[in-house]
Amino acid sequence: MGFWPACSTPQDHILFFAEASSRRIILDMPLDRDLLRHGDGSPNLCLADFIAGEGPACSPDTAGLFLLTASSPELETLAENMQKCGNVYEALILKTLLDLLAEAASEALYRELMTYPCGTPRGIRPAFGYPSCPDHTLKKDVVALLQPDGHLDITLTSSYMLQPSASICGMYITHPQAHYFTVHKDPGL
């Protein structure tokens, strides 16, 4: 997990920089814009809209990335062995508990890192593959950036599923008006 100076581009990318005084890009993240035609005139949002725009006079904003797991290869093997031995229910309970623990850890980190002094959380923590950020392929560069030596033992399948499965990868957007929305890739009729 980490926070970096960041800015958005007119092409709906978020650029993460090595440091505030440097313009060396460590991650260029293309994001999807909601294309649905909204009858109420509401804007077609993109997560990049909540990051300050790039430009010579613009000082970088801050955005974060996170990668966490509540499992391990040993726990994954334990669940597989339970299933092979016919203890399907116990394996399901173990996997469910690990998934819940990963979500709870993600929420706890969010609340710890993104809370105003008055105790109110700000910003959002969209995970890759969810409605505001449906592109699973973004996980590849984030996983490489956050665990260059593989110390978390988190890998990606060919379809960009995190292994162990009780793992989460996403970003922190600190803008106080940031909110979740669904990206529709079809503008509709």
C-alpha atoms as a PDB file:
ATOM      1  CA  MET A   1       0.000   0.000   0.000  1.00  0.00           C
ATOM      2  CA  GLY A   2       1.194   3.474  -0.685  1.00  0.00           C
ATOM      3  CA  PHE A   3       0.266   7.026  -1.610  1.00  0.00           C
ATOM      4  CA  TRP A   4       1.871   8.941  -4.456  1.00  0.00           C
ATOM      5  CA  PRO A   5       1.562  12.321  -6.115  1.00  0.00           C
ATOM      6  CA  ALA A   6      -0.935  11.898  -8.943  1.00  0.00           C
ATOM      7  CA  CYS A   7      -2.808  13.824 -11.594  1.00  0.00           C
ATOM      8  CA  SER A   8      -5.442  13.036 -14.181  1.00  0.00           C
ATOM      9  CA  THR A   9      -5.248  13.532 -17.926  1.00  0.00           C
ATOM     10  CA  PRO A  10      -7.928  14.619 -20.418  1.00  0.00           C
ATOM     11  CA  GLN A  11      -7.804  11.024 -21.737  1.00  0.00           C
ATOM     12  CA  ASP A  12      -9.122   9.670 -18.390  1.00  0.00           C
ATOM     13  CA  HIS A  13      -5.804   8.369 -17.084  1.00  0.00           C
ATOM     14  CA  ILE A  14      -4.408   8.758 -13.594  1.00  0.00           C
ATOM     15  CA  LEU A  15      -0.656   9.293 -13.597  1.00  0.00           C
ATOM     16  CA  PHE A  16       1.221   8.294 -10.444  1.00  0.00           C
ATOM     17  CA  PHE A  17       4.582  10.013  -9.905  1.00  0.00           C
ATOM     18  CA  ALA A  18       7.642   8.782  -8.030  1.00  0.00           C
ATOM     19  CA  GLU A  19       7.672  11.938  -5.893  1.00  0.00           C
ATOM     20  CA  ALA A  20       6.083  15.382  -5.859  1.00  0.00           C
ATOM     21  CA  SER A  21       9.126  17.196  -7.216  1.00  0.00           C
ATOM     22  CA  SER A  22       9.591  14.654  -9.986  1.00  0.00           C
ATOM     23  CA  ARG A  23       7.525  14.179 -13.101  1.00  0.00           C
ATOM     24  CA  ARG A  24       8.782  10.596 -13.428  1.00  0.00           C
ATOM     25  CA  ILE A  25       5.680   8.484 -13.986  1.00  0.00           C
ATOM     26  CA  ILE A  26       5.698   5.170 -12.126  1.00  0.00           C
ATOM     27  CA  LEU A  27       2.201   4.153 -13.223  1.00  0.00           C
ATOM     28  CA  ASP A  28      -0.084   5.328 -16.023  1.00  0.00           C
ATOM     29  CA  MET A  29      -3.557   3.997 -15.250  1.00  0.00           C
ATOM     30  CA  PRO A  30      -6.200   4.280 -18.008  1.00  0.00           C
ATOM     31  CA  LEU A  31      -9.720   4.320 -16.584  1.00  0.00           C
ATOM     32  CA  ASP A  32     -13.161   3.859 -18.086  1.00  0.00           C
ATOM     33  CA  ARG A  33     -15.761   6.608 -18.271  1.00  0.00           C
ATOM     34  CA  ASP A  34     -19.444   5.836 -17.780  1.00  0.00           C
ATOM     35  CA  LEU A  35     -21.029   6.049 -21.243  1.00  0.00           C
ATOM     36  CA  LEU A  36     -24.683   5.673 -20.273  1.00  0.00           C
ATOM     37  CA  ARG A  37     -26.902   8.524 -21.415  1.00  0.00           C
ATOM     38  CA  HIS A  38     -28.411   9.811 -18.194  1.00  0.00           C
ATOM     39  CA  GLY A  39     -31.906  11.222 -18.631  1.00  0.00           C
ATOM     40  CA  ASP A  40     -31.473  13.539 -15.661  1.00  0.00           C
ATOM     41  CA  GLY A  41     -28.481  15.301 -17.213  1.00  0.00           C
ATOM     42  CA  SER A  42     -26.024  13.985 -14.632  1.00  0.00           C
ATOM     43  CA  PRO A  43     -22.423  13.798 -15.847  1.00  0.00           C
ATOM     44  CA  ASN A  44     -20.730  10.734 -17.268  1.00  0.00           C
ATOM     45  CA  LEU A  45     -18.174  10.085 -14.559  1.00  0.00           C
ATOM     46  CA  CYS A  46     -14.724   8.553 -14.497  1.00  0.00           C
ATOM     47  CA  LEU A  47     -12.628   7.980 -11.371  1.00  0.00           C
ATOM     48  CA  ALA A  48     -10.003  10.276 -12.924  1.00  0.00           C
ATOM     49  CA  ASP A  49     -12.504  13.139 -12.503  1.00  0.00           C
ATOM     50  CA  PHE A  50     -11.730  13.083  -8.767  1.00  0.00           C
ATOM     51  CA  ILE A  51      -7.974  13.626  -9.235  1.00  0.00           C
ATOM     52  CA  ALA A  52      -6.554  17.083 -10.022  1.00  0.00           C
ATOM     53  CA  GLY A  53      -5.828  17.595 -13.717  1.00  0.00           C
ATOM     54  CA  GLU A  54      -2.334  17.747 -15.145  1.00  0.00           C
ATOM     55  CA  GLY A  55      -0.770  20.935 -16.369  1.00  0.00           C
ATOM     56  CA  PRO A  56       2.212  23.202 -15.809  1.00  0.00           C
ATOM     57  CA  ALA A  57       0.421  25.228 -13.121  1.00  0.00           C
ATOM     58  CA  CYS A  58      -1.206  22.232 -11.467  1.00  0.00           C
ATOM     59  CA  SER A  59       0.367  20.776  -8.378  1.00  0.00           C
ATOM     60  CA  PRO A  60      -0.142  17.031  -8.134  1.00  0.00           C
ATOM     61  CA  ASP A  61      -2.967  15.573  -6.122  1.00  0.00           C
ATOM     62  CA  THR A  62      -2.482  12.441  -3.995  1.00  0.00           C
ATOM     63  CA  ALA A  63      -3.848   8.979  -4.725  1.00  0.00           C
ATOM     64  CA  GLY A  64      -3.163   5.620  -3.175  1.00  0.00           C
ATOM     65  CA  LEU A  65      -2.969   2.008  -4.245  1.00  0.00           C
ATOM     66  CA  PHE A  66      -3.451  -1.040  -2.075  1.00  0.00           C
ATOM     67  CA  LEU A  67      -2.965  -4.776  -2.289  1.00  0.00           C
ATOM     68  CA  LEU A  68      -3.760  -7.085   0.588  1.00  0.00           C
ATOM     69  CA  THR A  69      -4.563 -10.669   1.360  1.00  0.00           C
ATOM     70  CA  ALA A  70      -6.076 -12.485   4.310  1.00  0.00           C
ATOM     71  CA  SER A  71      -4.850 -15.850   3.109  1.00  0.00           C
ATOM     72  CA  SER A  72      -1.662 -17.749   2.424  1.00  0.00           C
ATOM     73  CA  PRO A  73      -0.599 -20.726   0.325  1.00  0.00           C
ATOM     74  CA  GLU A  74      -0.922 -22.870   3.460  1.00  0.00           C
ATOM     75  CA  LEU A  75      -4.526 -21.801   4.090  1.00  0.00           C
ATOM     76  CA  GLU A  76      -5.399 -22.333   0.427  1.00  0.00           C
ATOM     77  CA  THR A  77      -3.936 -25.860   0.643  1.00  0.00           C
ATOM     78  CA  LEU A  78      -5.879 -26.491   3.855  1.00  0.00           C
ATOM     79  CA  ALA A  79      -9.150 -25.501   2.142  1.00  0.00           C
ATOM     80  CA  GLU A  80      -8.341 -27.725  -0.858  1.00  0.00           C
ATOM     81  CA  ASN A  81      -7.545 -30.671   1.417  1.00  0.00           C
ATOM     82  CA  MET A  82     -10.780 -30.153   3.354  1.00  0.00           C
ATOM     83  CA  GLN A  83     -12.695 -30.283   0.098  1.00  0.00           C
ATOM     84  CA  LYS A  84     -10.848 -33.396  -1.125  1.00  0.00           C
ATOM     85  CA  CYS A  85     -11.654 -35.142   2.161  1.00  0.00           C
ATOM     86  CA  GLY A  86     -15.351 -34.405   1.720  1.00  0.00           C
ATOM     87  CA  ASN A  87     -15.450 -31.535   4.204  1.00  0.00           C
ATOM     88  CA  VAL A  88     -16.987 -29.200   1.652  1.00  0.00           C
ATOM     89  CA  TYR A  89     -18.884 -27.193   4.259  1.00  0.00           C
ATOM     90  CA  GLU A  90     -15.762 -26.579   6.366  1.00  0.00           C
ATOM     91  CA  ALA A  91     -13.800 -25.551   3.261  1.00  0.00           C
ATOM     92  CA  LEU A  92     -16.573 -23.138   2.304  1.00  0.00           C
ATOM     93  CA  ILE A  93     -16.644 -21.663   5.823  1.00  0.00           C
ATOM     94  CA  LEU A  94     -12.848 -21.192   5.793  1.00  0.00           C
ATOM     95  CA  LYS A  95     -12.899 -19.483   2.375  1.00  0.00           C
ATOM     96  CA  THR A  96     -15.824 -17.276   3.416  1.00  0.00           C
ATOM     97  CA  LEU A  97     -14.069 -16.238   6.625  1.00  0.00           C
ATOM     98  CA  LEU A  98     -10.905 -15.388   4.696  1.00  0.00           C
ATOM     99  CA  ASP A  99     -12.905 -13.304   2.196  1.00  0.00           C
ATOM    100  CA  LEU A 100     -14.646 -11.457   5.035  1.00  0.00           C
ATOM    101  CA  LEU A 101     -11.332 -10.876   6.786  1.00  0.00           C
ATOM    102  CA  ALA A 102      -9.840  -9.406   3.593  1.00  0.00           C
ATOM    103  CA  GLU A 103     -12.805  -7.029   3.216  1.00  0.00           C
ATOM    104  CA  ALA A 104     -12.609  -6.067   6.896  1.00  0.00           C
ATOM    105  CA  ALA A 105      -8.869  -5.390   6.622  1.00  0.00           C
ATOM    106  CA  SER A 106      -9.448  -3.264   3.527  1.00  0.00           C
ATOM    107  CA  GLU A 107     -12.155  -1.270   5.306  1.00  0.00           C
ATOM    108  CA  ALA A 108     -10.013  -0.880   8.448  1.00  0.00           C
ATOM    109  CA  LEU A 109      -7.088   0.456   6.395  1.00  0.00           C
ATOM    110  CA  TYR A 110      -9.417   2.837   4.588  1.00  0.00           C
ATOM    111  CA  ARG A 111     -10.843   4.173   7.841  1.00  0.00           C
ATOM    112  CA  GLU A 112      -7.384   4.500   9.391  1.00  0.00           C
ATOM    113  CA  LEU A 113      -5.855   6.294   6.417  1.00  0.00           C
ATOM    114  CA  MET A 114      -8.749   8.289   5.041  1.00  0.00           C
ATOM    115  CA  THR A 115     -10.518   9.758   8.069  1.00  0.00           C
ATOM    116  CA  TYR A 116     -10.814  13.439   8.850  1.00  0.00           C
ATOM    117  CA  PRO A 117      -9.800  14.507  12.374  1.00  0.00           C
ATOM    118  CA  CYS A 118     -13.522  14.719  13.241  1.00  0.00           C
ATOM    119  CA  GLY A 119     -13.852  10.982  12.531  1.00  0.00           C
ATOM    120  CA  THR A 120     -15.705  11.153   9.212  1.00  0.00           C
ATOM    121  CA  PRO A 121     -14.204   9.044   6.404  1.00  0.00           C
ATOM    122  CA  ARG A 122     -13.449  10.854   3.146  1.00  0.00           C
ATOM    123  CA  GLY A 123     -12.870   9.659  -0.363  1.00  0.00           C
ATOM    124  CA  ILE A 124     -13.394   6.144  -1.673  1.00  0.00           C
ATOM    125  CA  ARG A 125     -11.481   2.872  -2.096  1.00  0.00           C
ATOM    126  CA  PRO A 126     -12.611   1.361  -5.400  1.00  0.00           C
ATOM    127  CA  ALA A 127     -11.283  -2.115  -6.110  1.00  0.00           C
ATOM    128  CA  PHE A 128     -10.369  -3.163  -9.631  1.00  0.00           C
ATOM    129  CA  GLY A 129     -13.070  -5.262 -11.226  1.00  0.00           C
ATOM    130  CA  TYR A 130     -15.938  -3.560  -9.392  1.00  0.00           C
ATOM    131  CA  PRO A 131     -18.548  -1.216 -10.966  1.00  0.00           C
ATOM    132  CA  SER A 132     -16.591   2.071 -10.696  1.00  0.00           C
ATOM    133  CA  CYS A 133     -13.452   0.462 -12.090  1.00  0.00           C
ATOM    134  CA  PRO A 134     -14.432  -2.670 -14.032  1.00  0.00           C
ATOM    135  CA  ASP A 135     -11.086  -3.267 -15.773  1.00  0.00           C
ATOM    136  CA  HIS A 136      -9.403  -6.250 -14.083  1.00  0.00           C
ATOM    137  CA  THR A 137      -6.239  -5.834 -16.182  1.00  0.00           C
ATOM    138  CA  LEU A 138      -5.243  -2.784 -14.103  1.00  0.00           C
ATOM    139  CA  LYS A 139      -4.308  -5.191 -11.307  1.00  0.00           C
ATOM    140  CA  LYS A 140      -1.232  -6.342 -13.236  1.00  0.00           C
ATOM    141  CA  ASP A 141       0.736  -3.103 -12.908  1.00  0.00           C
ATOM    142  CA  VAL A 142      -0.471  -2.439  -9.360  1.00  0.00           C
ATOM    143  CA  VAL A 143       0.573  -5.911  -8.186  1.00  0.00           C
ATOM    144  CA  ALA A 144       3.989  -5.408  -9.827  1.00  0.00           C
ATOM    145  CA  LEU A 145       4.398  -1.971  -8.210  1.00  0.00           C
ATOM    146  CA  LEU A 146       3.275  -2.966  -4.716  1.00  0.00           C
ATOM    147  CA  GLN A 147       5.063  -6.293  -4.387  1.00  0.00           C
ATOM    148  CA  PRO A 148       8.085  -6.212  -6.678  1.00  0.00           C
ATOM    149  CA  ASP A 149       9.702  -9.058  -4.765  1.00  0.00           C
ATOM    150  CA  GLY A 150       6.514 -11.104  -4.342  1.00  0.00           C
ATOM    151  CA  HIS A 151       6.636 -10.838  -0.545  1.00  0.00           C
ATOM    152  CA  LEU A 152       2.846 -11.076  -0.206  1.00  0.00           C
ATOM    153  CA  ASP A 153       2.670 -14.258  -2.311  1.00  0.00           C
ATOM    154  CA  ILE A 154      -0.128 -12.690  -4.371  1.00  0.00           C
ATOM    155  CA  THR A 155      -0.251 -13.690  -8.021  1.00  0.00           C
ATOM    156  CA  LEU A 156      -2.621 -13.163 -10.927  1.00  0.00           C
ATOM    157  CA  THR A 157      -4.241 -15.819 -13.066  1.00  0.00           C
ATOM    158  CA  SER A 158      -4.401 -15.397 -16.847  1.00  0.00           C
ATOM    159  CA  SER A 159      -7.845 -13.805 -16.360  1.00  0.00           C
ATOM    160  CA  TYR A 160      -6.473 -11.385 -13.708  1.00  0.00           C
ATOM    161  CA  MET A 161      -8.038 -13.091 -10.710  1.00  0.00           C
ATOM    162  CA  LEU A 162      -5.979 -12.567  -7.568  1.00  0.00           C
ATOM    163  CA  GLN A 163      -4.541 -15.662  -5.917  1.00  0.00           C
ATOM    164  CA  PRO A 164      -5.042 -16.357  -3.049  1.00  0.00           C
ATOM    165  CA  SER A 165      -8.682 -15.583  -3.685  1.00  0.00           C
ATOM    166  CA  ALA A 166      -9.108 -13.738  -0.360  1.00  0.00           C
ATOM    167  CA  SER A 167      -7.111 -10.806  -1.755  1.00  0.00           C
ATOM    168  CA  ILE A 168      -8.075  -7.276  -2.775  1.00  0.00           C
ATOM    169  CA  CYS A 169      -6.395  -4.753  -5.062  1.00  0.00           C
ATOM    170  CA  GLY A 170      -7.614  -1.204  -5.530  1.00  0.00           C
ATOM    171  CA  MET A 171      -6.962   2.473  -5.039  1.00  0.00           C
ATOM    172  CA  TYR A 172      -7.625   5.260  -2.589  1.00  0.00           C
ATOM    173  CA  ILE A 173      -9.090   8.452  -4.001  1.00  0.00           C
ATOM    174  CA  THR A 174      -8.951  11.233  -1.440  1.00  0.00           C
ATOM    175  CA  HIS A 175     -11.261  13.799  -3.033  1.00  0.00           C
ATOM    176  CA  PRO A 176     -13.989  14.604  -0.486  1.00  0.00           C
ATOM    177  CA  GLN A 177     -16.708  14.484  -3.168  1.00  0.00           C
ATOM    178  CA  ALA A 178     -15.563  11.196  -4.696  1.00  0.00           C
ATOM    179  CA  HIS A 179     -18.302   8.598  -4.729  1.00  0.00           C
ATOM    180  CA  TYR A 180     -19.023   5.210  -6.219  1.00  0.00           C
ATOM    181  CA  PHE A 181     -20.856   4.871  -9.521  1.00  0.00           C
ATOM    182  CA  THR A 182     -21.254   2.251 -12.214  1.00  0.00           C
ATOM    183  CA  VAL A 183     -19.319   2.436 -15.461  1.00  0.00           C
ATOM    184  CA  HIS A 184     -21.570   1.478 -18.374  1.00  0.00           C
ATOM    185  CA  LYS A 185     -19.620   0.759 -21.550  1.00  0.00           C
ATOM    186  CA  ASP A 186     -22.725   1.006 -23.737  1.00  0.00           C
ATOM    187  CA  PRO A 187     -24.359   4.450 -23.993  1.00  0.00           C
ATOM    188  CA  GLY A 188     -27.791   2.867 -24.273  1.00  0.00           C
ATOM    189  CA  LEU A 189     -30.578   4.183 -26.420  1.00  0.00           C
END
